[in-house]
C-alpha atoms as a PDB file:
ATOM      1  CA  LEU A   1      -0.027  -0.084  -0.243  1.00  0.00           C
ATOM      2  CA  VAL A   2       1.720   3.228  -1.297  1.00  0.00           C
ATOM      3  CA  THR A   3       0.640   6.921  -0.729  1.00  0.00           C
ATOM      4  CA  LEU A   4       2.531   8.809  -3.062  1.00  0.00           C
ATOM      5  CA  ASP A   5       2.218  12.586  -1.627  1.00  0.00           C
ATOM      6  CA  LYS A   6       3.937  12.556   1.854  1.00  0.00           C
ATOM      7  CA  SER A   7       4.196  15.981   2.228  1.00  0.00           C
ATOM      8  CA  ASP A   8       2.388  15.961   5.571  1.00  0.00           C
ATOM      9  CA  HIS A   9       4.860  13.185   7.068  1.00  0.00           C
ATOM     10  CA  GLU A  10       8.024  14.042   9.024  1.00  0.00           C
ATOM     11  CA  ALA A  11      11.334  14.079   7.073  1.00  0.00           C
ATOM     12  CA  GLN A  12      12.375  10.680   7.618  1.00  0.00           C
ATOM     13  CA  PHE A  13       9.314   9.087   6.521  1.00  0.00           C
ATOM     14  CA  GLN A  14       9.005  10.979   3.355  1.00  0.00           C
ATOM     15  CA  TYR A  15       9.932   7.779   1.490  1.00  0.00           C
ATOM     16  CA  ARG A  16      10.474   8.688  -2.447  1.00  0.00           C
ATOM     17  CA  ASP A  17       7.907   6.217  -4.057  1.00  0.00           C
ATOM     18  CA  HIS A  18       7.231   7.037  -7.579  1.00  0.00           C
ATOM     19  CA  PHE A  19       6.875   5.853 -11.117  1.00  0.00           C
ATOM     20  CA  LEU A  20       9.413   5.895 -13.854  1.00  0.00           C
ATOM     21  CA  SER A  21       7.332   4.795 -16.321  1.00  0.00           C
ATOM     22  CA  PRO A  22       3.558   2.987 -16.840  1.00  0.00           C
ATOM     23  CA  THR A  23       5.237  -0.244 -16.136  1.00  0.00           C
ATOM     24  CA  GLU A  24       7.975   0.673 -13.494  1.00  0.00           C
ATOM     25  CA  PHE A  25       7.827   1.701 -10.156  1.00  0.00           C
ATOM     26  CA  GLU A  26      10.588   2.698  -7.570  1.00  0.00           C
ATOM     27  CA  TRP A  27       9.738   2.321  -4.140  1.00  0.00           C
ATOM     28  CA  GLN A  28      11.509   2.799  -0.726  1.00  0.00           C
ATOM     29  CA  SER A  29      11.148   0.412   2.404  1.00  0.00           C
ATOM     30  CA  GLN A  30      11.085   1.453   5.874  1.00  0.00           C
ATOM     31  CA  ASN A  31      13.724   2.896   7.559  1.00  0.00           C
ATOM     32  CA  GLN A  32      15.123  -0.029   9.184  1.00  0.00           C
ATOM     33  CA  THR A  33      14.680  -2.272   6.585  1.00  0.00           C
ATOM     34  CA  THR A  34      18.043  -4.007   5.287  1.00  0.00           C
ATOM     35  CA  LYS A  35      19.003  -6.332   2.271  1.00  0.00           C
ATOM     36  CA  ALA A  36      20.084  -9.065   4.901  1.00  0.00           C
ATOM     37  CA  GLY A  37      17.290  -8.853   6.912  1.00  0.00           C
ATOM     38  CA  GLN A  38      14.043 -11.276   6.505  1.00  0.00           C
ATOM     39  CA  ALA A  39      12.004  -8.443   4.852  1.00  0.00           C
ATOM     40  CA  GLY A  40      14.974  -7.502   2.608  1.00  0.00           C
ATOM     41  CA  ILE A  41      15.219 -11.232   1.405  1.00  0.00           C
ATOM     42  CA  SER A  42      11.594 -11.688   0.932  1.00  0.00           C
ATOM     43  CA  ILE A  43      11.800  -8.581  -1.220  1.00  0.00           C
ATOM     44  CA  ALA A  44      14.398  -9.858  -3.828  1.00  0.00           C
ATOM     45  CA  ASP A  45      13.706 -13.456  -3.729  1.00  0.00           C
ATOM     46  CA  HIS A  46       9.761 -13.159  -3.668  1.00  0.00           C
ATOM     47  CA  GLN A  47       9.335 -15.193  -6.635  1.00  0.00           C
ATOM     48  CA  ALA A  48      11.673 -17.939  -5.422  1.00  0.00           C
ATOM     49  CA  ARG A  49       9.881 -17.954  -2.208  1.00  0.00           C
ATOM     50  CA  ASP A  50       6.410 -17.968  -3.944  1.00  0.00           C
ATOM     51  CA  ILE A  51       5.133 -14.663  -2.708  1.00  0.00           C
ATOM     52  CA  THR A  52       3.305 -12.725  -5.109  1.00  0.00           C
ATOM     53  CA  VAL A  53       3.644  -8.762  -4.633  1.00  0.00           C
ATOM     54  CA  HIS A  54       0.562  -6.701  -5.328  1.00  0.00           C
ATOM     55  CA  LEU A  55       0.823  -2.849  -5.705  1.00  0.00           C
ATOM     56  CA  PHE A  56      -2.015  -0.636  -4.357  1.00  0.00           C
ATOM     57  CA  VAL A  57      -1.677   2.872  -4.815  1.00  0.00           C
ATOM     58  CA  ARG A  58      -2.949   6.674  -3.948  1.00  0.00           C
ATOM     59  CA  ALA A  59      -2.214   9.910  -4.807  1.00  0.00           C
ATOM     60  CA  LYS A  60      -2.801  11.448  -1.417  1.00  0.00           C
ATOM     61  CA  ALA A  61      -4.034   9.993   1.895  1.00  0.00           C
ATOM     62  CA  ARG A  62      -7.023  12.140   2.437  1.00  0.00           C
ATOM     63  CA  THR A  63      -9.726  13.170  -0.172  1.00  0.00           C
ATOM     64  CA  ALA A  64     -10.866  16.686  -0.329  1.00  0.00           C
ATOM     65  CA  GLU A  65     -13.378  15.661   2.288  1.00  0.00           C
ATOM     66  CA  GLY A  66     -11.206  14.569   4.609  1.00  0.00           C
ATOM     67  CA  ARG A  67     -11.927  10.673   4.561  1.00  0.00           C
ATOM     68  CA  GLY A  68      -9.557   8.383   3.547  1.00  0.00           C
ATOM     69  CA  ALA A  69      -8.412   8.242   0.070  1.00  0.00           C
ATOM     70  CA  PRO A  70      -8.964   4.829  -1.700  1.00  0.00           C
ATOM     71  CA  PHE A  71      -6.219   2.682  -2.999  1.00  0.00           C
ATOM     72  CA  TYR A  72      -5.942   1.647  -6.784  1.00  0.00           C
ATOM     73  CA  TYR A  73      -4.825  -2.020  -7.349  1.00  0.00           C
ATOM     74  CA  LEU A  74      -2.107  -1.875  -9.872  1.00  0.00           C
ATOM     75  CA  GLY A  75      -1.800  -5.761  -9.886  1.00  0.00           C
ATOM     76  CA  PRO A  76       1.363  -7.899  -9.203  1.00  0.00           C
ATOM     77  CA  VAL A  77       4.729  -6.561  -9.523  1.00  0.00           C
ATOM     78  CA  ASP A  78       8.414  -8.121 -10.170  1.00  0.00           C
ATOM     79  CA  PHE A  79      11.600  -7.273  -8.546  1.00  0.00           C
ATOM     80  CA  ARG A  80      14.049  -5.831 -10.810  1.00  0.00           C
ATOM     81  CA  TRP A  81      16.737  -3.945  -8.802  1.00  0.00           C
ATOM     82  CA  TRP A  82      17.594  -2.447  -5.307  1.00  0.00           C
ATOM     83  CA  ASP A  83      20.143  -0.336  -3.754  1.00  0.00           C
ATOM     84  CA  GLY A  84      20.950   0.848  -0.111  1.00  0.00           C
ATOM     85  CA  ASP A  85      19.808  -0.244   3.192  1.00  0.00           C
ATOM     86  CA  LYS A  86      17.917   1.439   5.806  1.00  0.00           C
ATOM     87  CA  PRO A  87      15.812   2.245   3.294  1.00  0.00           C
ATOM     88  CA  ILE A  88      16.168   0.077   0.370  1.00  0.00           C
ATOM     89  CA  THR A  89      15.387   1.713  -3.138  1.00  0.00           C
ATOM     90  CA  VAL A  90      13.470  -1.022  -5.085  1.00  0.00           C
ATOM     91  CA  GLN A  91      12.199  -0.766  -8.456  1.00  0.00           C
ATOM     92  CA  TRP A  92       9.663  -3.152  -9.228  1.00  0.00           C
ATOM     93  CA  VAL A  93       8.073  -3.975 -12.745  1.00  0.00           C
ATOM     94  CA  LEU A  94       4.126  -4.029 -13.172  1.00  0.00           C
ATOM     95  CA  LYS A  95       2.941  -7.106 -15.034  1.00  0.00           C
ATOM     96  CA  ALA A  96       0.456  -4.583 -16.623  1.00  0.00           C
ATOM     97  CA  ALA A  97       0.934  -0.980 -16.983  1.00  0.00           C
ATOM     98  CA  VAL A  98      -0.662   2.066 -15.028  1.00  0.00           C
ATOM     99  CA  PRO A  99      -4.037   2.932 -17.051  1.00  0.00           C
ATOM    100  CA  GLN A 100      -3.705   6.139 -18.689  1.00  0.00           C
ATOM    101  CA  GLN A 101      -6.468   7.679 -16.967  1.00  0.00           C
ATOM    102  CA  LEU A 102      -4.237   7.710 -13.774  1.00  0.00           C
ATOM    103  CA  TRP A 103      -1.029   9.027 -15.268  1.00  0.00           C
ATOM    104  CA  LYS A 104      -1.613  12.712 -14.220  1.00  0.00           C
ATOM    105  CA  GLU A 105      -3.151  11.732 -10.850  1.00  0.00           C
ATOM    106  CA  PHE A 106      -0.059   9.621  -9.904  1.00  0.00           C
ATOM    107  CA  GLY A 107       2.785  11.383 -11.951  1.00  0.00           C
ATOM    108  CA  VAL A 108       3.319   8.785 -14.233  1.00  0.00           C
ATOM    109  CA  PRO A 109       5.911   9.718 -17.124  1.00  0.00           C
ATOM    110  CA  ALA A 110       4.632   9.119 -20.631  1.00  0.00           C
ATOM    111  CA  PRO A 111       6.708   6.704 -22.251  1.00  0.00           C
END
């Protein structure tokens, strides 16, 4: 579950989650996550461990009326690459492209 706009979070929790293209998503783990830890290993080896990772995204945490904003289900993703520790920056590949009607809301760059 990813909320893209983290401007209301404290600096240490403003993870840089964003789309690189309609089929690529870059996500940052929580600050305590390491590549060698169980969570890190599960990220990189999710396919070998028979773990399906699903991506749910929303632009903002709240609607204009102050309610919790809904998440959009964008389907399963596969691990491509990672860098760093505490947090880990991970690139995911979506199996299906983000629908074009969501590109502006989610800041998806056009191919």
